[in-house]
Amino acid sequence: MPSPPRLGPKARRRWLRAFVLVTGFAPLAALVARAVGGGLGANPVEEITHETGAWALRFLVLCLCVTPARRLFGWRPLQLERRTLGLFAFLYAALHLATYVVFELELDPGAVAEDVLERPYITVGFASFLILFALASTSTRAAARRLGRRWKQLHRLVYVAAAGAIVHFLWLVKSDLREPLVYGGVVAALLGIRVWWAVRRAPAARAATAG
């Protein structure tokens, strides 16, 4: 029996892109289905806020996993989907913020400003959202060319956004800290790997500069 034909690189990339897109939109579709079917519980606004915030953090962590996965395991095609994962993180963060502003604060600018200035977990969460907004708005190739070397410096702030999101989560849950602590451990490990690579690369970079 002949073996099935192997997929070429372009076909594999298309399948990977389709998988990432389906994975990215699936939580939103499930949330909409639950809302239509009345399956969001006694406090639907709280459930939507929690779910969108959780998925924003999950996609942000997945985005941070891409480069280590490529360097450690050789998963090079996944590198092309890092921007898509980051945009999904921004999408769910925007839905998280919009749910809070529209349904909890009823689009009151004064209430929004008061919460951002006076409630630390809102302050940290809003700061993380602003970073994600800056990263999403400069995620195109044209923006990378326009910003040059500053583009990489700007996009390293993704770790700051992730740390802020985890702190926001920690202050929000108050009692059961297991889930945010797991995310915090994963992000700390990923950051540690990047720092280790930078330390190992530093002597070679200094030698190249001296040469």
C-alpha atoms as a PDB file:
ATOM      1  CA  MET A   1       0.000   0.000   0.000  1.00  0.00           C
ATOM      2  CA  PRO A   2       1.559   3.319  -1.052  1.00  0.00           C
ATOM      3  CA  SER A   3       2.357   5.784   1.711  1.00  0.00           C
ATOM      4  CA  PRO A   4       0.372   9.042   1.726  1.00  0.00           C
ATOM      5  CA  PRO A   5       2.087  11.962   0.000  1.00  0.00           C
ATOM      6  CA  ARG A   6       4.145  14.194   2.235  1.00  0.00           C
ATOM      7  CA  LEU A   7       3.112  17.815   2.544  1.00  0.00           C
ATOM      8  CA  GLY A   8       5.510  20.406   1.226  1.00  0.00           C
ATOM      9  CA  PRO A   9       6.708  23.382   3.307  1.00  0.00           C
ATOM     10  CA  LYS A  10       4.055  25.746   1.932  1.00  0.00           C
ATOM     11  CA  ALA A  11       1.246  23.267   2.576  1.00  0.00           C
ATOM     12  CA  ARG A  12       2.485  22.685   6.131  1.00  0.00           C
ATOM     13  CA  ARG A  13       2.572  26.416   6.740  1.00  0.00           C
ATOM     14  CA  ARG A  14      -0.996  26.746   5.454  1.00  0.00           C
ATOM     15  CA  TRP A  15      -2.193  23.957   7.746  1.00  0.00           C
ATOM     16  CA  LEU A  16      -0.355  25.501  10.680  1.00  0.00           C
ATOM     17  CA  ARG A  17      -1.882  28.908   9.943  1.00  0.00           C
ATOM     18  CA  ALA A  18      -5.357  27.354   9.726  1.00  0.00           C
ATOM     19  CA  PHE A  19      -4.795  25.521  13.025  1.00  0.00           C
ATOM     20  CA  VAL A  20      -3.648  28.716  14.782  1.00  0.00           C
ATOM     21  CA  LEU A  21      -6.611  30.695  13.440  1.00  0.00           C
ATOM     22  CA  VAL A  22      -9.132  28.031  14.484  1.00  0.00           C
ATOM     23  CA  THR A  23      -7.483  27.781  17.914  1.00  0.00           C
ATOM     24  CA  GLY A  24      -7.545  31.552  18.272  1.00  0.00           C
ATOM     25  CA  PHE A  25     -11.193  32.065  17.405  1.00  0.00           C
ATOM     26  CA  ALA A  26     -12.523  28.912  19.105  1.00  0.00           C
ATOM     27  CA  PRO A  27     -12.717  30.430  22.642  1.00  0.00           C
ATOM     28  CA  LEU A  28     -14.603  33.438  21.311  1.00  0.00           C
ATOM     29  CA  ALA A  29     -17.012  31.218  19.378  1.00  0.00           C
ATOM     30  CA  ALA A  30     -17.577  29.080  22.477  1.00  0.00           C
ATOM     31  CA  LEU A  31     -18.218  32.177  24.573  1.00  0.00           C
ATOM     32  CA  VAL A  32     -20.737  33.507  22.048  1.00  0.00           C
ATOM     33  CA  ALA A  33     -22.476  30.113  21.931  1.00  0.00           C
ATOM     34  CA  ARG A  34     -22.713  30.059  25.719  1.00  0.00           C
ATOM     35  CA  ALA A  35     -24.115  33.601  25.742  1.00  0.00           C
ATOM     36  CA  VAL A  36     -26.750  32.771  23.127  1.00  0.00           C
ATOM     37  CA  GLY A  37     -27.704  29.581  24.974  1.00  0.00           C
ATOM     38  CA  GLY A  38     -27.849  31.274  28.361  1.00  0.00           C
ATOM     39  CA  GLY A  39     -24.926  29.254  29.685  1.00  0.00           C
ATOM     40  CA  LEU A  40     -22.930  32.046  31.307  1.00  0.00           C
ATOM     41  CA  GLY A  41     -24.336  31.565  34.781  1.00  0.00           C
ATOM     42  CA  ALA A  42     -25.869  34.023  37.208  1.00  0.00           C
ATOM     43  CA  ASN A  43     -23.348  36.780  36.416  1.00  0.00           C
ATOM     44  CA  PRO A  44     -22.673  36.705  32.658  1.00  0.00           C
ATOM     45  CA  VAL A  45     -20.647  39.941  32.654  1.00  0.00           C
ATOM     46  CA  GLU A  46     -18.247  38.559  35.258  1.00  0.00           C
ATOM     47  CA  GLU A  47     -17.938  35.298  33.317  1.00  0.00           C
ATOM     48  CA  ILE A  48     -17.171  37.105  30.044  1.00  0.00           C
ATOM     49  CA  THR A  49     -14.654  39.360  31.782  1.00  0.00           C
ATOM     50  CA  HIS A  50     -12.904  36.381  33.357  1.00  0.00           C
ATOM     51  CA  GLU A  51     -12.851  34.259  30.197  1.00  0.00           C
ATOM     52  CA  THR A  52     -11.561  37.005  27.892  1.00  0.00           C
ATOM     53  CA  GLY A  53      -8.884  37.999  30.401  1.00  0.00           C
ATOM     54  CA  ALA A  54      -7.779  34.394  30.870  1.00  0.00           C
ATOM     55  CA  TRP A  55      -7.498  33.796  27.132  1.00  0.00           C
ATOM     56  CA  ALA A  56      -5.582  37.045  26.644  1.00  0.00           C
ATOM     57  CA  LEU A  57      -2.997  35.793  29.137  1.00  0.00           C
ATOM     58  CA  ARG A  58      -2.913  32.302  27.613  1.00  0.00           C
ATOM     59  CA  PHE A  59      -2.234  33.600  24.109  1.00  0.00           C
ATOM     60  CA  LEU A  60       0.350  36.011  25.469  1.00  0.00           C
ATOM     61  CA  VAL A  61       2.193  33.121  27.131  1.00  0.00           C
ATOM     62  CA  LEU A  62       1.924  31.053  23.929  1.00  0.00           C
ATOM     63  CA  CYS A  63       3.414  33.962  22.005  1.00  0.00           C
ATOM     64  CA  LEU A  64       6.355  34.054  24.417  1.00  0.00           C
ATOM     65  CA  CYS A  65       6.874  30.297  23.968  1.00  0.00           C
ATOM     66  CA  VAL A  66       7.444  30.528  20.219  1.00  0.00           C
ATOM     67  CA  THR A  67      11.104  31.616  20.117  1.00  0.00           C
ATOM     68  CA  PRO A  68      12.266  29.127  22.792  1.00  0.00           C
ATOM     69  CA  ALA A  69      10.361  26.351  20.979  1.00  0.00           C
ATOM     70  CA  ARG A  70      12.082  27.286  17.725  1.00  0.00           C
ATOM     71  CA  ARG A  71      15.556  27.431  19.232  1.00  0.00           C
ATOM     72  CA  LEU A  72      15.258  24.384  21.492  1.00  0.00           C
ATOM     73  CA  PHE A  73      13.229  22.048  19.270  1.00  0.00           C
ATOM     74  CA  GLY A  74      13.711  23.462  15.778  1.00  0.00           C
ATOM     75  CA  TRP A  75      10.042  24.350  15.282  1.00  0.00           C
ATOM     76  CA  ARG A  76      10.834  27.041  12.717  1.00  0.00           C
ATOM     77  CA  PRO A  77       7.386  27.271  11.024  1.00  0.00           C
ATOM     78  CA  LEU A  78       5.882  28.246  14.376  1.00  0.00           C
ATOM     79  CA  GLN A  79       7.958  31.437  14.324  1.00  0.00           C
ATOM     80  CA  LEU A  80       5.782  32.723  11.484  1.00  0.00           C
ATOM     81  CA  GLU A  81       2.706  32.460  13.728  1.00  0.00           C
ATOM     82  CA  ARG A  82       4.128  34.471  16.646  1.00  0.00           C
ATOM     83  CA  ARG A  83       2.542  37.676  15.382  1.00  0.00           C
ATOM     84  CA  THR A  84      -0.839  35.950  14.992  1.00  0.00           C
ATOM     85  CA  LEU A  85      -0.694  34.636  18.563  1.00  0.00           C
ATOM     86  CA  GLY A  86       0.213  38.110  19.795  1.00  0.00           C
ATOM     87  CA  LEU A  87      -2.723  39.625  17.930  1.00  0.00           C
ATOM     88  CA  PHE A  88      -5.066  37.083  19.508  1.00  0.00           C
ATOM     89  CA  ALA A  89      -3.696  38.079  22.917  1.00  0.00           C
ATOM     90  CA  PHE A  90      -4.502  41.705  22.085  1.00  0.00           C
ATOM     91  CA  LEU A  91      -7.961  40.786  20.759  1.00  0.00           C
ATOM     92  CA  TYR A  92      -8.960  39.040  23.989  1.00  0.00           C
ATOM     93  CA  ALA A  93      -7.380  41.778  26.105  1.00  0.00           C
ATOM     94  CA  ALA A  94      -9.431  44.361  24.186  1.00  0.00           C
ATOM     95  CA  LEU A  95     -12.612  42.328  24.713  1.00  0.00           C
ATOM     96  CA  HIS A  96     -11.723  41.980  28.404  1.00  0.00           C
ATOM     97  CA  LEU A  97     -11.325  45.731  28.793  1.00  0.00           C
ATOM     98  CA  ALA A  98     -14.372  46.542  26.649  1.00  0.00           C
ATOM     99  CA  THR A  99     -16.612  44.233  28.706  1.00  0.00           C
ATOM    100  CA  TYR A 100     -15.514  45.969  31.891  1.00  0.00           C
ATOM    101  CA  VAL A 101     -15.857  49.500  30.514  1.00  0.00           C
ATOM    102  CA  VAL A 102     -19.194  48.948  28.746  1.00  0.00           C
ATOM    103  CA  PHE A 103     -21.082  46.777  31.233  1.00  0.00           C
ATOM    104  CA  GLU A 104     -19.482  47.572  34.581  1.00  0.00           C
ATOM    105  CA  LEU A 105     -18.718  51.283  34.126  1.00  0.00           C
ATOM    106  CA  GLU A 106     -21.392  52.003  31.495  1.00  0.00           C
ATOM    107  CA  LEU A 107     -18.961  53.951  29.286  1.00  0.00           C
ATOM    108  CA  ASP A 108     -18.488  56.619  31.969  1.00  0.00           C
ATOM    109  CA  PRO A 109     -15.095  58.300  31.278  1.00  0.00           C
ATOM    110  CA  GLY A 110     -14.943  59.672  34.815  1.00  0.00           C
ATOM    111  CA  ALA A 111     -15.469  56.220  36.315  1.00  0.00           C
ATOM    112  CA  VAL A 112     -12.833  54.755  33.999  1.00  0.00           C
ATOM    113  CA  ALA A 113     -10.274  57.409  34.983  1.00  0.00           C
ATOM    114  CA  GLU A 114     -11.087  56.979  38.674  1.00  0.00           C
ATOM    115  CA  ASP A 115     -10.645  53.200  38.527  1.00  0.00           C
ATOM    116  CA  VAL A 116      -7.370  53.448  36.604  1.00  0.00           C
ATOM    117  CA  LEU A 117      -5.950  55.999  39.049  1.00  0.00           C
ATOM    118  CA  GLU A 118      -7.237  54.597  42.332  1.00  0.00           C
ATOM    119  CA  ARG A 119      -7.417  50.803  41.963  1.00  0.00           C
ATOM    120  CA  PRO A 120      -3.917  49.299  41.590  1.00  0.00           C
ATOM    121  CA  TYR A 121      -4.989  46.085  39.859  1.00  0.00           C
ATOM    122  CA  ILE A 122      -6.879  48.153  37.269  1.00  0.00           C
ATOM    123  CA  THR A 123      -3.847  50.441  36.867  1.00  0.00           C
ATOM    124  CA  VAL A 124      -1.524  47.509  36.186  1.00  0.00           C
ATOM    125  CA  GLY A 125      -3.992  45.794  33.863  1.00  0.00           C
ATOM    126  CA  PHE A 126      -4.609  48.984  31.889  1.00  0.00           C
ATOM    127  CA  ALA A 127      -0.853  49.589  31.551  1.00  0.00           C
ATOM    128  CA  SER A 128      -0.431  46.055  30.179  1.00  0.00           C
ATOM    129  CA  PHE A 129      -3.235  46.674  27.693  1.00  0.00           C
ATOM    130  CA  LEU A 130      -1.546  49.883  26.475  1.00  0.00           C
ATOM    131  CA  ILE A 131       1.672  47.945  25.882  1.00  0.00           C
ATOM    132  CA  LEU A 132      -0.224  45.272  23.940  1.00  0.00           C
ATOM    133  CA  PHE A 133      -1.901  48.019  21.914  1.00  0.00           C
ATOM    134  CA  ALA A 134       1.496  49.492  21.027  1.00  0.00           C
ATOM    135  CA  LEU A 135       2.828  46.065  20.045  1.00  0.00           C
ATOM    136  CA  ALA A 136      -0.238  45.172  17.980  1.00  0.00           C
ATOM    137  CA  SER A 137      -0.210  48.514  16.155  1.00  0.00           C
ATOM    138  CA  THR A 138       3.479  48.051  15.218  1.00  0.00           C
ATOM    139  CA  SER A 139       3.334  44.352  14.364  1.00  0.00           C
ATOM    140  CA  THR A 140       3.445  44.819  10.592  1.00  0.00           C
ATOM    141  CA  ARG A 141       6.568  44.524   8.444  1.00  0.00           C
ATOM    142  CA  ALA A 142       6.170  48.152   7.413  1.00  0.00           C
ATOM    143  CA  ALA A 143       6.270  49.231  11.069  1.00  0.00           C
ATOM    144  CA  ALA A 144       9.341  47.051  11.665  1.00  0.00           C
ATOM    145  CA  ARG A 145      11.146  48.684   8.739  1.00  0.00           C
ATOM    146  CA  ARG A 146      10.100  52.159   9.855  1.00  0.00           C
ATOM    147  CA  LEU A 147      11.237  51.693  13.450  1.00  0.00           C
ATOM    148  CA  GLY A 148      14.446  49.836  12.612  1.00  0.00           C
ATOM    149  CA  ARG A 149      16.412  48.728  15.679  1.00  0.00           C
ATOM    150  CA  ARG A 150      13.871  50.388  17.967  1.00  0.00           C
ATOM    151  CA  TRP A 151      11.267  47.825  16.849  1.00  0.00           C
ATOM    152  CA  LYS A 152      12.997  44.999  18.727  1.00  0.00           C
ATOM    153  CA  GLN A 153      13.451  47.188  21.780  1.00  0.00           C
ATOM    154  CA  LEU A 154       9.753  48.062  21.744  1.00  0.00           C
ATOM    155  CA  HIS A 155       8.622  44.471  21.313  1.00  0.00           C
ATOM    156  CA  ARG A 156      10.717  43.284  24.240  1.00  0.00           C
ATOM    157  CA  LEU A 157       8.100  45.061  26.341  1.00  0.00           C
ATOM    158  CA  VAL A 158       5.914  41.991  25.781  1.00  0.00           C
ATOM    159  CA  TYR A 159       7.520  40.570  28.936  1.00  0.00           C
ATOM    160  CA  VAL A 160       6.491  43.693  30.846  1.00  0.00           C
ATOM    161  CA  ALA A 161       2.939  43.282  29.538  1.00  0.00           C
ATOM    162  CA  ALA A 162       2.908  39.620  30.585  1.00  0.00           C
ATOM    163  CA  ALA A 163       4.232  40.422  34.057  1.00  0.00           C
ATOM    164  CA  GLY A 164       1.643  43.174  34.451  1.00  0.00           C
ATOM    165  CA  ALA A 165      -1.150  40.852  33.352  1.00  0.00           C
ATOM    166  CA  ILE A 166      -0.082  38.253  35.898  1.00  0.00           C
ATOM    167  CA  VAL A 167       0.063  40.840  38.703  1.00  0.00           C
ATOM    168  CA  HIS A 168      -3.386  42.072  37.616  1.00  0.00           C
ATOM    169  CA  PHE A 169      -4.653  38.478  37.814  1.00  0.00           C
ATOM    170  CA  LEU A 170      -3.038  37.893  41.224  1.00  0.00           C
ATOM    171  CA  TRP A 171      -4.583  41.001  42.758  1.00  0.00           C
ATOM    172  CA  LEU A 172      -7.937  40.180  41.198  1.00  0.00           C
ATOM    173  CA  VAL A 173      -8.361  36.611  42.459  1.00  0.00           C
ATOM    174  CA  LYS A 174      -7.107  37.356  46.032  1.00  0.00           C
ATOM    175  CA  SER A 175      -7.703  33.838  47.415  1.00  0.00           C
ATOM    176  CA  ASP A 176      -6.910  30.945  45.015  1.00  0.00           C
ATOM    177  CA  LEU A 177      -3.569  32.032  43.574  1.00  0.00           C
ATOM    178  CA  ARG A 178      -2.629  28.764  41.881  1.00  0.00           C
ATOM    179  CA  GLU A 179      -3.564  29.685  38.297  1.00  0.00           C
ATOM    180  CA  PRO A 180      -1.839  33.092  38.158  1.00  0.00           C
ATOM    181  CA  LEU A 181       1.206  31.618  39.916  1.00  0.00           C
ATOM    182  CA  VAL A 182       1.458  28.905  37.253  1.00  0.00           C
ATOM    183  CA  TYR A 183       1.423  31.558  34.532  1.00  0.00           C
ATOM    184  CA  GLY A 184       3.982  33.551  36.506  1.00  0.00           C
ATOM    185  CA  GLY A 185       6.268  30.534  36.765  1.00  0.00           C
ATOM    186  CA  VAL A 186       6.057  29.867  33.023  1.00  0.00           C
ATOM    187  CA  VAL A 187       6.809  33.497  32.130  1.00  0.00           C
ATOM    188  CA  ALA A 188       9.686  33.621  34.625  1.00  0.00           C
ATOM    189  CA  ALA A 189      11.157  30.456  33.094  1.00  0.00           C
ATOM    190  CA  LEU A 190      10.837  31.837  29.564  1.00  0.00           C
ATOM    191  CA  LEU A 191      12.449  35.112  30.600  1.00  0.00           C
ATOM    192  CA  GLY A 192      15.226  33.194  32.353  1.00  0.00           C
ATOM    193  CA  ILE A 193      15.941  31.274  29.150  1.00  0.00           C
ATOM    194  CA  ARG A 194      16.164  34.521  27.162  1.00  0.00           C
ATOM    195  CA  VAL A 195      18.485  36.087  29.754  1.00  0.00           C
ATOM    196  CA  TRP A 196      20.689  32.989  29.707  1.00  0.00           C
ATOM    197  CA  TRP A 197      20.966  33.141  25.928  1.00  0.00           C
ATOM    198  CA  ALA A 198      21.821  36.853  26.103  1.00  0.00           C
ATOM    199  CA  VAL A 199      24.544  36.209  28.697  1.00  0.00           C
ATOM    200  CA  ARG A 200      26.069  33.432  26.583  1.00  0.00           C
ATOM    201  CA  ARG A 201      25.946  35.588  23.462  1.00  0.00           C
ATOM    202  CA  ALA A 202      27.519  38.655  25.106  1.00  0.00           C
ATOM    203  CA  PRO A 203      31.221  37.617  24.821  1.00  0.00           C
ATOM    204  CA  ALA A 204      30.841  36.834  21.107  1.00  0.00           C
ATOM    205  CA  ALA A 205      29.083  40.144  20.538  1.00  0.00           C
ATOM    206  CA  ARG A 206      31.836  42.052  22.351  1.00  0.00           C
ATOM    207  CA  ALA A 207      34.511  40.217  20.331  1.00  0.00           C
ATOM    208  CA  ALA A 208      32.711  41.050  17.076  1.00  0.00           C
ATOM    209  CA  THR A 209      32.446  44.705  18.070  1.00  0.00           C
ATOM    210  CA  ALA A 210      36.138  44.835  19.014  1.00  0.00           C
ATOM    211  CA  GLY A 211      37.088  43.170  15.745  1.00  0.00           C
END
